[in-house]
Amino acid sequence: MSESIELAVDRFLVHKRALGRKYVSEQAELRLLVAFAAERGVVSLDELTPALVDDFLGSRPRSRPRSFNHLLGVIGCLLDWAVNQELLAVSPLRARRRRATATRIPFLFDTAQARRLLDAAAALPDNARAPQRGVTYRTMFALSYGLGLRAGEMCGLCLGDVDVDRDLLIVRGGKFGKSRLVPHGPRMAALLGEQLERRRVNGAVGKEEPLFTFDGTRRVHPGTASQTFHQLVLTLDLAVPDGVSAPTLHSLRHSFAVGCLLRWYREGLDPAARLHRLSTFMGHVDPSSTAVYLTITPALLEEANRRFEMFAAPVRTESPK
């Protein structure tokens, strides 16, 4: 009898995690495939047919090409692995990637908009399930905008991850399971120090206790932080230009990356020579991953043009011989 789909998924997850991948959202998607097949009486891996796989893909509400293609990629990786392991003779996946015909530009927060967001977060009222809600979210969103942390990294911080002596954050378990040191300045140190003090006043002492929590035990979930961000953005009534996506929590990280590039231009530094530093700071595997964040904005174009004019000026002023 062929190996069960559930066992194959378990083995596949072990394989991916041995390579340093976390595969959290992917695991949830693969569990959906297992459940979908079981509901139709299909348990064995070799019983997966092209029609059943297509039905599964069609059953998921994936209207955006990027979301559908991610699900397709996860299922495809599982089935290709099964073929390589000789658990299947051939992959039953026949669906193709959807073409993204209209890629929208991500929303970028400027300093004034970010300040409005942080002020709105600070004004959030407490409730029975979330004491000190305002100052907690203000600090969290400030970390994302000021240091470019991912939502999961921000929510996963522990008390021991804040090095007050060296002004460092220890960000553990980032993408691909990597950890990194994130230095910061005095203003961020003050925010983190205040958060540490609030936690200690509430009795937190262990280094492994969460930095951001409302009940003292459970970390603030990234999904909850994202929902709170979305609700705040609606109250700010930000102007979103045509062709630009609505702001998301990830927009703060994106804004950090573009802000760094703009600052380097204005300081007369070479962005290309420093891109690898930004890549390391943001926890990317290589600079090409960081380049995805570097959206061209009017301010960047202006600085790039100014740099070119400075470079070309001596040539233009030379007298013909």
Protein backbone atom coordinates (compact mmCIF):
# COMPACT_ATOMS: atom_id res chain seq x y z
CA MET A 1 0.00 0.00 0.00
CA SER A 2 1.22 3.50 -0.82
CA GLU A 3 2.29 5.88 1.93
CA SER A 4 -0.50 7.99 3.37
CA ILE A 5 -0.77 11.66 2.39
CA GLU A 6 -0.58 12.69 6.04
CA LEU A 7 2.62 10.75 6.69
CA ALA A 8 4.17 12.10 3.48
CA VAL A 9 3.35 15.66 4.56
CA ASP A 10 4.93 15.04 7.97
CA ARG A 11 8.12 13.72 6.38
CA PHE A 12 8.19 16.59 3.90
CA LEU A 13 7.91 19.15 6.72
CA VAL A 14 10.78 17.47 8.59
CA HIS A 15 12.86 17.65 5.41
CA LYS A 16 12.16 21.36 4.87
CA ARG A 17 12.85 22.28 8.49
CA ALA A 18 16.12 20.39 8.41
CA LEU A 19 17.09 22.84 5.65
CA GLY A 20 16.34 25.79 7.95
CA ARG A 21 12.85 26.60 6.70
CA LYS A 22 10.13 27.31 9.28
CA TYR A 23 7.25 26.31 6.99
CA VAL A 24 4.49 27.52 9.33
CA SER A 25 1.94 28.85 6.84
CA GLU A 26 2.95 26.11 4.40
CA GLN A 27 2.18 23.47 7.02
CA ALA A 28 -1.33 24.87 7.44
CA GLU A 29 -1.89 24.72 3.68
CA LEU A 30 -0.67 21.15 3.44
CA ARG A 31 -2.93 20.14 6.35
CA LEU A 32 -5.82 21.56 4.35
CA LEU A 33 -4.90 19.27 1.47
CA VAL A 34 -4.84 16.26 3.82
CA ALA A 35 -8.28 17.14 5.20
CA PHE A 36 -9.72 17.86 1.72
CA ALA A 37 -8.55 14.47 0.43
CA ALA A 38 -9.79 12.61 3.54
CA GLU A 39 -13.27 14.12 3.14
CA ARG A 40 -13.36 12.51 -0.31
CA GLY A 41 -12.14 9.15 0.93
CA VAL A 42 -8.61 9.59 -0.40
CA VAL A 43 -5.90 8.65 2.09
CA SER A 44 -3.02 7.20 0.09
CA LEU A 45 -0.58 9.43 -1.74
CA ASP A 46 -0.90 7.47 -4.99
CA GLU A 47 -4.67 8.09 -4.97
CA LEU A 48 -4.14 11.79 -5.56
CA THR A 49 -5.36 12.47 -9.09
CA PRO A 50 -4.96 15.60 -11.21
CA ALA A 51 -8.72 16.19 -10.89
CA LEU A 52 -8.65 16.00 -7.10
CA VAL A 53 -5.65 18.34 -6.84
CA ASP A 54 -7.39 20.79 -9.19
CA ASP A 55 -10.55 20.58 -7.08
CA PHE A 56 -8.53 21.35 -3.97
CA LEU A 57 -6.89 24.38 -5.55
CA GLY A 58 -10.28 25.58 -6.77
CA SER A 59 -11.79 25.18 -3.30
CA ARG A 60 -9.46 27.72 -1.71
CA PRO A 61 -10.49 31.41 -1.87
CA ARG A 62 -7.39 32.70 -3.67
CA SER A 63 -8.51 35.57 -5.88
CA ARG A 64 -5.09 37.23 -6.15
CA PRO A 65 -2.54 35.58 -8.46
CA ARG A 66 0.25 35.90 -5.90
CA SER A 67 -1.78 34.09 -3.22
CA PHE A 68 -2.85 31.34 -5.61
CA ASN A 69 0.69 30.90 -6.91
CA HIS A 70 2.01 30.54 -3.35
CA LEU A 71 -0.46 27.74 -2.63
CA LEU A 72 0.34 26.13 -5.98
CA GLY A 73 4.05 26.30 -5.19
CA VAL A 74 3.65 24.64 -1.79
CA ILE A 75 1.61 21.76 -3.24
CA GLY A 76 4.03 21.46 -6.14
CA CYS A 77 7.04 21.24 -3.81
CA LEU A 78 5.39 18.46 -1.81
CA LEU A 79 4.53 16.42 -4.89
CA ASP A 80 7.93 16.94 -6.54
CA TRP A 81 9.59 15.81 -3.30
CA ALA A 82 7.37 12.73 -3.29
CA VAL A 83 8.50 11.91 -6.84
CA ASN A 84 12.16 12.33 -5.85
CA GLN A 85 11.58 10.03 -2.89
CA GLU A 86 9.98 7.48 -5.26
CA LEU A 87 6.69 7.72 -3.37
CA LEU A 88 5.01 8.77 -6.61
CA ALA A 89 5.82 7.87 -10.20
CA VAL A 90 4.71 11.27 -11.46
CA SER A 91 3.29 14.43 -9.93
CA PRO A 92 -0.50 14.77 -10.34
CA LEU A 93 -0.24 18.57 -10.37
CA ARG A 94 -1.37 20.00 -13.71
CA ALA A 95 -2.41 23.56 -12.79
CA ARG A 96 -0.25 26.46 -13.88
CA ARG A 97 0.74 29.67 -12.23
CA ARG A 98 -1.55 32.63 -12.72
CA ARG A 99 -0.14 35.66 -14.41
CA ALA A 100 -0.01 38.82 -12.32
CA THR A 101 -1.11 41.40 -14.87
CA ALA A 102 -1.23 44.44 -12.59
CA THR A 103 1.37 44.62 -9.85
CA ARG A 104 0.53 47.43 -7.46
CA ILE A 105 3.16 49.63 -5.84
CA PRO A 106 3.37 49.19 -2.05
CA PHE A 107 2.30 52.04 0.19
CA LEU A 108 5.21 53.84 1.84
CA PHE A 109 4.87 55.87 5.03
CA ASP A 110 6.70 59.15 5.17
CA THR A 111 7.83 60.54 8.53
CA ALA A 112 4.69 62.61 9.08
CA GLN A 113 2.36 59.72 8.28
CA ALA A 114 4.32 57.37 10.52
CA ARG A 115 4.10 59.90 13.35
CA ARG A 116 0.33 60.11 12.90
CA LEU A 117 0.10 56.32 13.03
CA LEU A 118 2.16 56.10 16.22
CA ASP A 119 0.12 58.85 17.87
CA ALA A 120 -3.10 57.04 16.96
CA ALA A 121 -1.71 53.79 18.35
CA ALA A 122 -0.73 55.50 21.61
CA ALA A 123 -4.31 56.78 21.98
CA LEU A 124 -5.85 53.30 21.77
CA PRO A 125 -8.00 52.66 24.86
CA ASP A 126 -7.38 49.73 27.16
CA ASN A 127 -9.93 46.94 27.43
CA ALA A 128 -10.44 43.98 29.74
CA ARG A 129 -8.30 41.70 27.56
CA ALA A 130 -5.62 44.23 26.61
CA PRO A 131 -4.29 46.52 29.35
CA GLN A 132 -1.69 49.11 28.28
CA ARG A 133 -2.85 48.54 24.72
CA GLY A 134 -1.88 51.95 23.37
CA VAL A 135 1.74 52.11 24.53
CA THR A 136 2.27 48.47 23.54
CA TYR A 137 1.16 48.92 19.96
CA ARG A 138 2.94 52.24 19.65
CA THR A 139 6.21 50.58 20.60
CA MET A 140 5.59 47.63 18.28
CA PHE A 141 4.81 49.78 15.25
CA ALA A 142 7.79 52.02 16.03
CA LEU A 143 10.07 48.95 15.93
CA SER A 144 8.70 47.92 12.56
CA TYR A 145 9.06 51.41 11.07
CA GLY A 146 12.33 52.35 12.76
CA LEU A 147 14.19 49.03 12.55
CA GLY A 148 12.42 47.20 9.72
CA LEU A 149 11.33 44.21 11.81
CA ARG A 150 8.93 41.67 10.40
CA ALA A 151 5.62 41.27 12.27
CA GLY A 152 6.58 37.79 13.49
CA GLU A 153 10.01 38.97 14.65
CA MET A 154 8.51 41.91 16.50
CA CYS A 155 5.86 39.79 18.23
CA GLY A 156 8.39 37.08 19.06
CA LEU A 157 10.76 39.28 21.09
CA CYS A 158 11.53 38.21 24.67
CA LEU A 159 12.75 40.27 27.59
CA GLY A 160 16.21 38.78 27.21
CA ASP A 161 16.38 39.88 23.58
CA VAL A 162 16.77 43.53 24.63
CA ASP A 163 20.44 44.29 25.35
CA VAL A 164 20.23 47.63 27.14
CA ASP A 165 23.98 47.86 27.70
CA ARG A 166 24.90 47.72 24.02
CA ASP A 167 21.69 49.15 22.49
CA LEU A 168 21.01 45.93 20.61
CA LEU A 169 18.02 43.77 19.83
CA ILE A 170 18.54 40.04 19.40
CA VAL A 171 16.06 38.98 16.73
CA ARG A 172 15.71 35.20 16.86
CA GLY A 173 14.10 32.81 14.43
CA GLY A 174 13.70 35.17 11.49
CA LYS A 175 13.16 33.95 7.93
CA PHE A 176 14.84 30.57 7.31
CA GLY A 177 15.29 30.32 11.10
CA LYS A 178 18.16 32.80 11.17
CA SER A 179 18.88 35.11 14.11
CA ARG A 180 20.63 38.46 13.99
CA LEU A 181 21.75 41.45 16.06
CA VAL A 182 19.94 44.72 15.35
CA PRO A 183 21.63 47.87 16.72
CA HIS A 184 19.51 50.94 17.42
CA GLY A 185 19.78 54.52 18.57
CA PRO A 186 18.86 56.32 21.80
CA ARG A 187 15.22 57.03 20.91
CA MET A 188 14.52 53.38 20.23
CA ALA A 189 16.46 52.48 23.37
CA ALA A 190 14.15 54.76 25.37
CA LEU A 191 11.03 53.10 23.92
CA LEU A 192 12.35 49.62 24.62
CA GLY A 193 13.45 50.63 28.12
CA GLU A 194 9.95 51.88 28.89
CA GLN A 195 8.45 48.63 27.62
CA LEU A 196 10.84 46.60 29.77
CA GLU A 197 9.91 48.66 32.80
CA ARG A 198 6.18 48.13 32.17
CA ARG A 199 6.73 44.38 31.96
CA ARG A 200 8.80 44.32 35.14
CA VAL A 201 6.22 46.34 37.04
CA ASN A 202 3.75 43.63 36.06
CA GLY A 203 6.02 40.96 37.53
CA ALA A 204 7.93 39.75 34.49
CA VAL A 205 11.51 38.72 35.29
CA GLY A 206 12.44 35.73 33.11
CA LYS A 207 14.51 36.32 29.99
CA GLU A 208 12.23 34.05 27.97
CA GLU A 209 9.05 35.92 28.89
CA PRO A 210 7.44 37.82 26.00
CA LEU A 211 8.25 41.49 25.57
CA PHE A 212 4.84 42.25 24.08
CA THR A 213 1.90 40.61 25.83
CA PHE A 214 -1.43 41.60 27.32
CA ASP A 215 -1.95 38.72 29.74
CA GLY A 216 1.67 38.26 30.82
CA THR A 217 1.91 34.84 29.18
CA ARG A 218 0.90 34.85 25.54
CA ARG A 219 2.70 36.98 22.97
CA VAL A 220 0.72 39.45 20.92
CA HIS A 221 -0.11 37.49 17.77
CA PRO A 222 1.08 38.95 14.43
CA GLY A 223 -2.44 38.60 13.07
CA THR A 224 -3.84 40.62 15.97
CA ALA A 225 -1.20 43.31 15.45
CA SER A 226 -2.05 43.40 11.74
CA GLN A 227 -5.78 43.81 12.44
CA THR A 228 -5.10 46.62 14.91
CA PHE A 229 -2.86 48.33 12.35
CA HIS A 230 -5.58 48.07 9.70
CA GLN A 231 -8.20 49.57 12.02
CA LEU A 232 -5.91 52.47 12.87
CA VAL A 233 -5.11 53.17 9.23
CA LEU A 234 -8.82 53.48 8.47
CA THR A 235 -9.13 56.25 11.06
CA LEU A 236 -6.17 58.16 9.59
CA ASP A 237 -7.79 58.48 6.15
CA LEU A 238 -4.44 58.37 4.39
CA ALA A 239 -4.33 59.37 0.74
CA VAL A 240 -3.47 56.27 -1.30
CA PRO A 241 -2.35 57.21 -4.84
CA ASP A 242 -3.70 55.38 -7.88
CA GLY A 243 -1.87 52.13 -8.52
CA VAL A 244 -0.65 51.90 -4.91
CA SER A 245 -1.75 49.13 -2.55
CA ALA A 246 -3.58 49.92 0.66
CA PRO A 247 -1.25 50.16 3.70
CA THR A 248 -0.48 46.94 5.54
CA LEU A 249 1.65 46.26 8.59
CA HIS A 250 4.41 45.11 6.23
CA SER A 251 4.37 48.60 4.71
CA LEU A 252 6.29 49.82 7.76
CA ARG A 253 9.18 47.44 7.02
CA HIS A 254 9.05 48.44 3.36
CA SER A 255 9.15 52.11 4.34
CA PHE A 256 12.23 51.48 6.49
CA ALA A 257 14.16 50.00 3.55
CA VAL A 258 13.29 52.84 1.15
CA GLY A 259 14.01 55.40 3.88
CA CYS A 260 17.52 54.00 4.30
CA LEU A 261 18.20 54.27 0.58
CA LEU A 262 16.93 57.85 0.49
CA ARG A 263 19.07 58.83 3.48
CA TRP A 264 22.20 57.39 1.84
CA TYR A 265 21.55 59.44 -1.28
CA ARG A 266 21.12 62.60 0.74
CA GLU A 267 24.28 61.91 2.74
CA GLY A 268 26.32 61.47 -0.45
CA LEU A 269 26.91 57.75 0.13
CA ASP A 270 26.90 55.00 -2.50
CA PRO A 271 23.68 52.95 -2.02
CA ALA A 272 24.91 50.07 -4.18
CA ALA A 273 28.03 49.66 -2.03
CA ARG A 274 25.96 49.61 1.17
CA LEU A 275 23.09 47.39 0.05
CA HIS A 276 24.67 44.29 1.56
CA ARG A 277 24.64 46.02 4.97
CA LEU A 278 20.93 46.73 4.69
CA SER A 279 20.39 43.13 3.60
CA THR A 280 22.14 41.83 6.72
CA PHE A 281 20.32 44.31 8.97
CA MET A 282 16.92 43.23 7.64
CA GLY A 283 17.70 39.52 7.87
CA HIS A 284 17.75 38.70 4.17
CA VAL A 285 19.73 35.86 2.67
CA ASP A 286 21.22 38.06 -0.06
CA PRO A 287 20.90 41.66 -1.36
CA SER A 288 18.58 40.56 -4.18
CA SER A 289 15.91 39.89 -1.56
CA THR A 290 16.41 43.40 -0.17
CA ALA A 291 16.19 44.95 -3.63
CA VAL A 292 12.54 43.86 -3.83
CA TYR A 293 11.78 46.45 -1.12
CA LEU A 294 13.48 49.35 -2.89
CA THR A 295 10.50 50.89 -4.63
CA ILE A 296 11.32 53.92 -6.75
CA THR A 297 9.63 57.00 -5.30
CA PRO A 298 9.61 60.65 -6.46
CA ALA A 299 12.01 61.53 -3.66
CA LEU A 300 14.44 58.80 -4.71
CA LEU A 301 14.22 59.86 -8.36
CA GLU A 302 14.96 63.44 -7.36
CA GLU A 303 18.02 62.41 -5.36
CA ALA A 304 19.24 60.08 -8.12
CA ASN A 305 18.86 62.87 -10.70
CA ARG A 306 20.72 65.28 -8.43
CA ARG A 307 23.54 62.73 -8.08
CA PHE A 308 23.71 62.33 -11.85
CA GLU A 309 23.79 66.10 -12.40
CA MET A 310 26.73 66.40 -9.99
CA PHE A 311 28.52 63.57 -11.81
CA ALA A 312 27.85 64.99 -15.28
CA ALA A 313 28.54 68.66 -14.50
CA PRO A 314 32.35 68.54 -15.01
CA VAL A 315 31.90 66.91 -18.41
CA ARG A 316 29.38 69.52 -19.55
CA THR A 317 31.55 72.44 -18.51
CA GLU A 318 34.66 71.27 -20.35
CA SER A 319 35.57 73.43 -23.32
CA PRO A 320 35.87 71.69 -26.69
CA LYS A 321 39.40 71.31 -27.88
